[in-house]
Structures are given as C-alpha cells and as structure tokens.
C-alpha cells in the first residue's frame, strides 16, 4: 500500500518541526535517515496516526487518514524504539493480546499470533516467558506484535539499536522478508541497515526532506574525492557530506 505525504507541516506550539514535507513510499523497505532533531520521530508519529499534521495531507492507498478497513483490522503496524511488555507473560499471549487490541476477534488471536511468530522466526518460543528472551528475540517479538493483525504498512523506529551483530542480522532478515509484500518504513541511525535493506531512502534535515531517492543516487550527488581518507562506504560519506552541506547552508 503506498503512502504519499503532500506538503506536510507540523509544529509544537510555535516551534515548527516539519516543513513542506513531500515523500512517497510503496511496497518494499524505505529508509528514513536524519540527524537528531531532524523530525524523524515526529514524522513517524504522523504516519501511524498518533498526531495529525498542522497542514498538508497524508494519503494511504486510496484513503486518508489512517483508519480501519471494513474488516476491522488497522492497516498500520508500529514498533516504537522503546516498548514495554509484561515479563511474566508468555510470548504467545503477548502477541495474542496485541492482535486483539488491533481489532482481531478474540477467537482468532492465538492463530494470528502463531502466524506472526512464525514470520519472525520465533514460532518455537511461544510458550517462553518474555523475560527469558534475548535482546534480538525481544525485538523480533515486537515486530510480531506489529504484524499479528496483518497490516499493509509496517513502521519501525530504530529496530536494530543496541543489538549485537548476530542479532542485528536476524532482525534484518525478518525486515527484508516483510518488505517483499508490505510497505515498510524504517527509521534508523545505522547506515548499514539502510545499505542492506532499503531500496528507497529519505533524508530529513532541519524539518525538510533533503533527499529522496536510492543510495546510489545519493552517492552520485557528492564528490567523494573531497572525502578521501574518511573511513566509511561511499554511501556513508555521501550521507554525512549532505548533512554537513545542509548545516553549513543554514549557518
């Protein structure tokens, strides 16, 4: 399901956070990059319907704003950077409850939860207590909670932060698999996540969408010869050079 942002603006009182943001994403994994304070979290809150834009429009498929289709299931699944769950509950019960809160009929919650856990490769952990999970397993459980009601759109905020390399690889595998059939928006500070997962990249800077395209297109914007000797991939150097250029332009 496509998401289209048209001239979206948002402010907290007199503090403008997003200014004339235009962005479109579709099935696949789209990355959202930007320095701290650029407005990424605010944009995610708008996408999942936690807040509304001051002006502009967000279109989901052929409908706006995000709501519930006729079958009663919300079309968006969201995994915030920090989420709280009851450690004594079983993994299956936790996902079943998430399904129920998102409109799945009670009699179908266990089946929905089992399916979601299989998607994130945790189908053999359903009877375990949440407190027994590792960090990577807990993150995949959070993704399962967002998938249990079968949304068309999945929004992930820093899903690999704090994970060790092995855990990060497993979570990336899960996200890549989801992106084959759903629209995934991935906000992260980790350039490697974007490089390995995303076919589309948006860069927010100072409340504006400073770049919208592929990682190759971003690399082509920057003369990497100017950054020889700087450790990092061409994409990583290009991203940071873009941020530096935008910062200098507004000093």
Protein backbone atom coordinates (compact mmCIF):
# COMPACT_ATOMS: atom_id res chain seq x y z
CA UNK A 1 0.00 0.00 0.00
CA UNK A 2 1.52 3.36 -0.99
CA UNK A 3 1.90 6.25 1.44
CA UNK A 4 2.01 9.77 -0.01
CA UNK A 5 2.85 12.87 2.01
CA UNK A 6 1.85 16.15 0.39
CA UNK A 7 3.20 19.43 1.77
CA UNK A 8 3.05 18.11 5.34
CA UNK A 9 3.87 20.55 8.15
CA UNK A 10 3.83 20.08 11.91
CA UNK A 11 4.60 22.30 14.89
CA UNK A 12 4.64 22.07 18.67
CA UNK A 13 3.17 25.45 19.53
CA UNK A 14 5.34 27.98 17.74
CA UNK A 15 8.18 25.51 17.15
CA UNK A 16 7.96 24.23 13.59
CA UNK A 17 9.28 20.66 13.35
CA UNK A 18 8.34 19.62 9.80
CA UNK A 19 8.16 21.99 6.86
CA UNK A 20 6.60 21.23 3.48
CA UNK A 21 7.50 17.52 3.55
CA UNK A 22 6.72 15.65 0.34
CA UNK A 23 7.52 11.93 0.26
CA UNK A 24 6.08 8.79 -1.32
CA UNK A 25 6.80 5.16 -0.45
CA UNK A 26 5.36 1.84 -1.58
CA UNK A 27 5.86 -1.91 -1.11
CA UNK A 28 9.43 -2.62 -0.07
CA UNK A 29 11.66 -1.20 2.65
CA UNK A 30 12.07 2.58 2.63
CA UNK A 31 14.69 4.05 4.94
CA UNK A 32 14.37 7.30 6.86
CA UNK A 33 17.65 8.94 7.85
CA UNK A 34 18.43 12.20 9.58
CA UNK A 35 20.41 13.66 12.46
CA UNK A 36 18.95 14.04 15.94
CA UNK A 37 16.34 16.79 15.98
CA UNK A 38 15.59 16.49 12.27
CA UNK A 39 11.95 15.47 12.85
CA UNK A 40 12.11 11.71 12.20
CA UNK A 41 10.14 10.67 15.30
CA UNK A 42 7.53 13.35 14.61
CA UNK A 43 7.16 12.07 11.05
CA UNK A 44 6.70 8.50 12.27
CA UNK A 45 4.05 9.66 14.76
CA UNK A 46 2.21 11.30 11.87
CA UNK A 47 2.46 8.18 9.71
CA UNK A 48 0.93 5.93 12.37
CA UNK A 49 -1.78 8.44 13.30
CA UNK A 50 -0.57 9.36 16.80
CA UNK A 51 -0.61 13.02 15.77
CA UNK A 52 -2.05 14.98 12.86
CA UNK A 53 -0.30 17.42 10.55
CA UNK A 54 -0.88 21.14 11.02
CA UNK A 55 -1.27 21.36 7.26
CA UNK A 56 -0.83 19.13 4.25
CA UNK A 57 -2.11 15.62 3.65
CA UNK A 58 -1.06 12.01 4.21
CA UNK A 59 -2.69 9.52 1.84
CA UNK A 60 -2.70 5.75 2.46
CA UNK A 61 -3.54 3.87 -0.70
CA UNK A 62 -6.77 5.49 -1.79
CA UNK A 63 -7.81 6.56 1.72
CA UNK A 64 -6.87 9.23 4.25
CA UNK A 65 -6.33 9.40 7.22
CA UNK A 66 -5.11 6.02 8.62
CA UNK A 67 -8.06 4.14 9.97
CA UNK A 68 -9.55 0.69 9.95
CA UNK A 69 -10.73 -1.05 6.79
CA UNK A 70 -14.12 -2.67 6.64
CA UNK A 71 -12.76 -5.94 8.07
CA UNK A 72 -11.92 -4.08 11.30
CA UNK A 73 -8.14 -4.53 11.11
CA UNK A 74 -5.88 -1.50 11.33
CA UNK A 75 -3.80 -1.09 8.21
CA UNK A 76 -0.66 0.02 10.10
CA UNK A 77 1.68 -1.88 12.42
CA UNK A 78 4.14 0.12 14.52
CA UNK A 79 7.23 -0.84 16.52
CA UNK A 80 8.49 2.14 18.57
CA UNK A 81 12.12 2.36 19.59
CA UNK A 82 11.16 1.57 23.18
CA UNK A 83 8.20 -0.61 24.09
CA UNK A 84 7.15 -2.15 27.38
CA UNK A 85 5.79 -5.67 27.82
CA UNK A 86 4.99 -7.81 30.84
CA UNK A 87 7.96 -10.07 31.51
CA UNK A 88 5.85 -12.80 33.14
CA UNK A 89 3.52 -13.21 30.17
CA UNK A 90 4.27 -15.85 27.57
CA UNK A 91 5.37 -14.70 24.14
CA UNK A 92 2.26 -16.20 22.53
CA UNK A 93 -0.09 -14.47 24.98
CA UNK A 94 1.71 -11.16 24.43
CA UNK A 95 1.27 -11.33 20.65
CA UNK A 96 -2.32 -12.55 21.02
CA UNK A 97 -3.10 -9.52 23.16
CA UNK A 98 -1.50 -7.22 20.56
CA UNK A 99 -3.69 -8.82 17.88
CA UNK A 100 -6.81 -8.29 19.98
CA UNK A 101 -6.02 -4.62 20.67
CA UNK A 102 -5.70 -4.10 16.92
CA UNK A 103 -9.13 -5.50 16.11
CA UNK A 104 -8.62 -9.23 15.61
CA UNK A 105 -11.61 -11.18 17.00
CA UNK A 106 -10.76 -12.93 20.28
CA UNK A 107 -11.26 -16.42 18.87
CA UNK A 108 -8.69 -15.75 16.13
CA UNK A 109 -5.97 -14.10 18.22
CA UNK A 110 -3.98 -17.24 19.04
CA UNK A 111 -3.87 -18.27 15.38
CA UNK A 112 -2.87 -14.75 14.34
CA UNK A 113 -0.15 -14.71 17.00
CA UNK A 114 1.25 -18.07 15.90
CA UNK A 115 1.41 -16.90 12.30
CA UNK A 116 3.17 -13.67 13.27
CA UNK A 117 5.71 -15.52 15.42
CA UNK A 118 6.49 -17.85 12.53
CA UNK A 119 7.11 -14.82 10.31
CA UNK A 120 9.77 -13.51 12.70
CA UNK A 121 11.27 -16.98 13.27
CA UNK A 122 10.06 -17.26 16.87
CA UNK A 123 7.40 -19.93 16.40
CA UNK A 124 9.28 -22.27 18.79
CA UNK A 125 9.35 -19.62 21.56
CA UNK A 126 5.62 -19.11 22.06
CA UNK A 127 5.48 -20.76 25.49
CA UNK A 128 8.53 -18.99 26.86
CA UNK A 129 8.22 -16.03 29.24
CA UNK A 130 9.03 -12.67 27.71
CA UNK A 131 11.72 -12.07 30.35
CA UNK A 132 13.60 -15.13 29.05
CA UNK A 133 14.15 -13.65 25.58
CA UNK A 134 17.43 -12.18 24.39
CA UNK A 135 17.55 -8.62 23.08
CA UNK A 136 17.26 -9.70 19.46
CA UNK A 137 14.43 -12.12 20.22
CA UNK A 138 12.59 -9.41 22.11
CA UNK A 139 12.94 -7.06 19.15
CA UNK A 140 11.57 -9.71 16.79
CA UNK A 141 8.71 -10.27 19.23
CA UNK A 142 7.92 -6.56 18.97
CA UNK A 143 7.79 -6.87 15.21
CA UNK A 144 5.49 -9.89 15.55
CA UNK A 145 3.16 -7.80 17.71
CA UNK A 146 3.00 -5.23 14.93
CA UNK A 147 2.27 -7.93 12.33
CA UNK A 148 -0.36 -10.00 14.15
CA UNK A 149 -3.32 -8.02 12.74
CA UNK A 150 -1.90 -8.32 9.20
CA UNK A 151 -1.33 -4.64 8.43
CA UNK A 152 -0.46 -3.36 4.97
CA UNK A 153 2.10 -0.89 6.36
CA UNK A 154 4.79 -1.53 9.00
CA UNK A 155 6.65 1.38 10.65
CA UNK A 156 9.85 0.56 12.55
CA UNK A 157 11.75 3.03 14.74
CA UNK A 158 15.41 2.02 15.31
CA UNK A 159 14.65 -1.75 15.32
CA UNK A 160 18.30 -2.84 15.49
CA UNK A 161 19.65 -0.34 18.02
CA UNK A 162 21.57 -1.97 20.87
CA UNK A 163 21.75 -5.40 19.24
CA UNK A 164 24.93 -7.38 18.72
CA UNK A 165 25.96 -8.17 15.10
CA UNK A 166 24.37 -11.62 15.07
CA UNK A 167 21.06 -10.35 16.46
CA UNK A 168 21.11 -7.45 14.01
CA UNK A 169 21.48 -9.82 11.07
CA UNK A 170 18.47 -11.89 12.20
CA UNK A 171 16.31 -8.78 12.59
CA UNK A 172 17.40 -7.55 9.16
CA UNK A 173 16.40 -10.88 7.63
CA UNK A 174 12.93 -10.52 9.16
CA UNK A 175 12.54 -6.92 7.92
CA UNK A 176 13.68 -7.85 4.40
CA UNK A 177 11.14 -10.68 4.30
CA UNK A 178 8.31 -8.38 5.43
CA UNK A 179 9.25 -5.85 2.75
CA UNK A 180 8.57 -8.37 -0.01
CA UNK A 181 4.80 -7.96 0.46
CA UNK A 182 4.29 -4.89 2.66
CA UNK A 183 5.22 -1.23 2.77
CA UNK A 184 7.92 -0.86 5.44
CA UNK A 185 9.23 2.47 6.73
CA UNK A 186 12.48 2.02 8.65
CA UNK A 187 13.89 4.89 10.71
CA UNK A 188 17.47 4.34 11.82
CA UNK A 189 20.83 5.95 12.51
CA UNK A 190 22.66 2.86 11.27
CA UNK A 191 23.81 3.35 7.70
CA UNK A 192 24.41 -0.40 7.34
CA UNK A 193 20.71 -1.09 7.94
CA UNK A 194 19.81 1.26 5.09
CA UNK A 195 22.50 -0.08 2.75
CA UNK A 196 21.49 -3.72 3.26
CA UNK A 197 17.72 -3.35 3.44
CA UNK A 198 16.37 -0.30 1.65
CA UNK A 199 15.50 0.22 -2.00
CA UNK A 200 14.46 3.79 -1.25
CA UNK A 201 15.89 6.43 1.09
CA UNK A 202 14.57 9.69 2.51
CA UNK A 203 16.84 12.08 4.41
CA UNK A 204 15.28 14.57 6.82
CA UNK A 205 17.32 17.61 7.79
CA UNK A 206 16.08 20.62 9.72
CA UNK A 207 12.47 19.54 9.23
CA UNK A 208 12.64 19.19 5.46
CA UNK A 209 13.02 16.20 3.16
CA UNK A 210 16.54 16.98 1.97
CA UNK A 211 16.88 13.91 -0.25
CA UNK A 212 14.52 11.34 -1.76
CA UNK A 213 15.92 8.53 -3.89
CA UNK A 214 18.22 5.49 -3.81
CA UNK A 215 21.54 5.12 -2.02
CA UNK A 216 23.31 5.14 -5.39
CA UNK A 217 21.62 8.40 -6.31
CA UNK A 218 22.71 9.92 -3.01
CA UNK A 219 26.28 8.80 -3.61
CA UNK A 220 26.23 10.42 -7.04
CA UNK A 221 25.32 13.79 -5.52
CA UNK A 222 28.58 14.04 -3.62
CA UNK A 223 32.11 14.33 -4.92
CA UNK A 224 33.68 11.57 -2.87
CA UNK A 225 37.14 12.70 -3.91
CA UNK A 226 36.65 15.50 -1.39
CA UNK A 227 36.31 12.92 1.37
CA UNK A 228 39.22 10.62 0.58
CA UNK A 229 40.77 9.20 3.71
CA UNK A 230 37.47 9.33 5.62
CA UNK A 231 36.58 5.85 6.82
CA UNK A 232 33.25 4.54 5.56
CA UNK A 233 31.39 3.46 2.45
CA UNK A 234 30.62 5.84 -0.43
CA UNK A 235 27.02 5.93 0.78
CA UNK A 236 28.01 6.71 4.35
CA UNK A 237 30.38 9.50 3.27
CA UNK A 238 27.74 10.89 0.92
CA UNK A 239 25.10 10.98 3.63
CA UNK A 240 27.27 12.79 6.12
CA UNK A 241 28.55 15.18 3.45
CA UNK A 242 24.94 16.04 2.60
CA UNK A 243 24.12 16.74 6.24
CA UNK A 244 27.24 18.90 6.61
CA UNK A 245 26.38 20.82 3.45
CA UNK A 246 22.83 21.50 4.62
CA UNK A 247 24.06 22.58 8.04
CA UNK A 248 26.59 24.96 6.53
CA UNK A 249 23.95 26.40 4.23
CA UNK A 250 21.82 27.44 7.21
CA UNK A 251 24.55 28.91 9.42
